[in-house]
Amino acid sequence: MEFFAYHGCFEAEQVAGNKFIVNACLHYDCALAAQSDQIGDALSYQTAYEVIAREMMVRSHLLEHVGHRILDALYAAFPQLQYARIKISKMNPPLGGQIKCTSVTLEK
């Protein structure tokens, strides 16, 4: 998922913003959905995207804080969730050199 958001410790980052890439890996028992072919029996990708997008719009200094909030929100939205891994990458971070991205990965 790609977002434009305002995370960072420097004031310039919170004013100018940056592009972020979020990868999510969500595990749940999908046996019922696999058998029924009904969206109501599955973990909704649309809802997962909306949860992640909402948390990405809340400004934070640290990507670790954003990731923690995303994990908490996903577990609150999906009681059937058994495991989640979130990787957040800040593209072209302002570190004084040419750096493609910095990333943080959290799992629960």
Protein backbone atom coordinates (compact mmCIF):
# COMPACT_ATOMS: atom_id res chain seq x y z
CA MET A 1 0.00 0.00 0.00
CA GLU A 2 1.28 3.47 -0.79
CA PHE A 3 0.49 6.56 1.28
CA PHE A 4 1.55 10.17 1.48
CA ALA A 5 1.85 11.06 5.16
CA TYR A 6 3.60 13.34 7.64
CA HIS A 7 5.65 11.08 9.92
CA GLY A 8 9.10 12.07 11.13
CA CYS A 9 11.14 13.63 13.90
CA PHE A 10 12.14 16.69 11.90
CA GLU A 11 9.71 19.60 11.55
CA ALA A 12 10.30 19.66 7.78
CA GLU A 13 9.06 16.06 7.52
CA GLN A 14 5.87 16.93 9.36
CA VAL A 15 5.29 19.92 7.07
CA ALA A 16 6.35 18.61 3.65
CA GLY A 17 5.37 14.95 4.14
CA ASN A 18 6.73 11.94 2.34
CA LYS A 19 5.75 8.76 0.51
CA PHE A 20 5.42 5.60 2.60
CA ILE A 21 4.99 1.98 1.53
CA VAL A 22 3.18 -0.40 3.92
CA ASN A 23 3.28 -4.18 3.54
CA ALA A 24 0.90 -6.23 5.66
CA CYS A 25 0.91 -9.97 6.27
CA LEU A 26 -2.22 -11.16 8.09
CA HIS A 27 -2.85 -14.74 9.21
CA TYR A 28 -6.20 -16.21 10.23
CA ASP A 29 -7.98 -19.54 9.88
CA CYS A 30 -9.45 -19.24 6.40
CA ALA A 31 -10.88 -22.78 6.20
CA LEU A 32 -14.50 -21.58 6.37
CA ALA A 33 -13.98 -18.89 3.71
CA ALA A 34 -12.13 -21.37 1.48
CA GLN A 35 -15.08 -23.74 1.66
CA SER A 36 -17.99 -21.29 1.58
CA ASP A 37 -16.66 -18.79 -1.00
CA GLN A 38 -18.48 -16.07 0.98
CA ILE A 39 -16.85 -12.71 1.73
CA GLY A 40 -18.54 -12.64 5.13
CA ASP A 41 -16.46 -15.65 6.17
CA ALA A 42 -13.16 -14.03 5.14
CA LEU A 43 -10.92 -11.35 6.56
CA SER A 44 -11.86 -8.31 4.47
CA TYR A 45 -8.91 -6.85 2.55
CA GLN A 46 -10.92 -3.66 2.10
CA THR A 47 -11.41 -3.24 5.84
CA ALA A 48 -7.75 -4.03 6.48
CA TYR A 49 -6.75 -1.32 4.00
CA GLU A 50 -9.11 1.20 5.63
CA VAL A 51 -7.72 0.43 9.10
CA ILE A 52 -4.13 0.86 7.89
CA ALA A 53 -4.95 4.03 5.92
CA ARG A 54 -6.64 5.61 8.95
CA GLU A 55 -3.61 4.97 11.16
CA MET A 56 -1.19 6.20 8.49
CA MET A 57 -2.95 9.58 8.53
CA VAL A 58 -2.27 10.08 12.27
CA ARG A 59 1.07 11.92 12.53
CA SER A 60 3.86 10.29 14.51
CA HIS A 61 7.53 10.97 15.05
CA LEU A 62 8.54 7.31 14.79
CA LEU A 63 7.59 4.58 12.33
CA GLU A 64 7.66 2.19 15.29
CA HIS A 65 4.77 4.13 16.81
CA VAL A 66 2.78 4.02 13.58
CA GLY A 67 3.35 0.28 13.24
CA HIS A 68 2.29 -0.40 16.81
CA ARG A 69 -0.93 1.56 16.29
CA ILE A 70 -1.64 -0.30 13.05
CA LEU A 71 -1.18 -3.69 14.73
CA ASP A 72 -3.45 -2.73 17.64
CA ALA A 73 -6.12 -1.43 15.25
CA LEU A 74 -6.00 -4.57 13.08
CA TYR A 75 -6.41 -6.84 16.10
CA ALA A 76 -9.33 -4.70 17.29
CA ALA A 77 -10.99 -4.90 13.86
CA PHE A 78 -10.42 -8.62 13.33
CA PRO A 79 -10.94 -10.90 16.35
CA GLN A 80 -10.05 -13.87 14.13
CA LEU A 81 -6.54 -12.51 13.46
CA GLN A 82 -3.86 -14.94 14.64
CA TYR A 83 -0.67 -13.17 13.49
CA ALA A 84 0.18 -9.90 11.79
CA ARG A 85 3.37 -8.41 10.40
CA ILE A 86 3.59 -4.79 9.24
CA LYS A 87 6.52 -3.29 7.37
CA ILE A 88 6.51 0.49 6.93
CA SER A 89 9.04 2.08 4.59
CA LYS A 90 9.74 5.81 4.38
CA MET A 91 10.85 6.55 0.84
CA ASN A 92 13.79 8.92 0.26
CA PRO A 93 14.30 9.82 3.93
CA PRO A 94 16.07 13.14 4.59
CA LEU A 95 19.31 11.69 5.95
CA GLY A 96 21.79 13.76 3.96
CA GLY A 97 22.50 11.20 1.26
CA GLN A 98 20.83 9.22 -1.47
CA ILE A 99 18.87 6.54 0.40
CA LYS A 100 16.02 4.63 -1.22
CA CYS A 101 14.15 4.02 2.04
CA THR A 102 14.29 3.27 5.72
CA SER A 103 11.99 0.57 7.07
CA VAL A 104 10.59 -0.79 10.30
CA THR A 105 8.96 -4.21 10.66
CA LEU A 106 6.73 -5.10 13.61
CA GLU A 107 4.83 -8.31 14.28
CA LYS A 108 2.37 -9.58 16.81
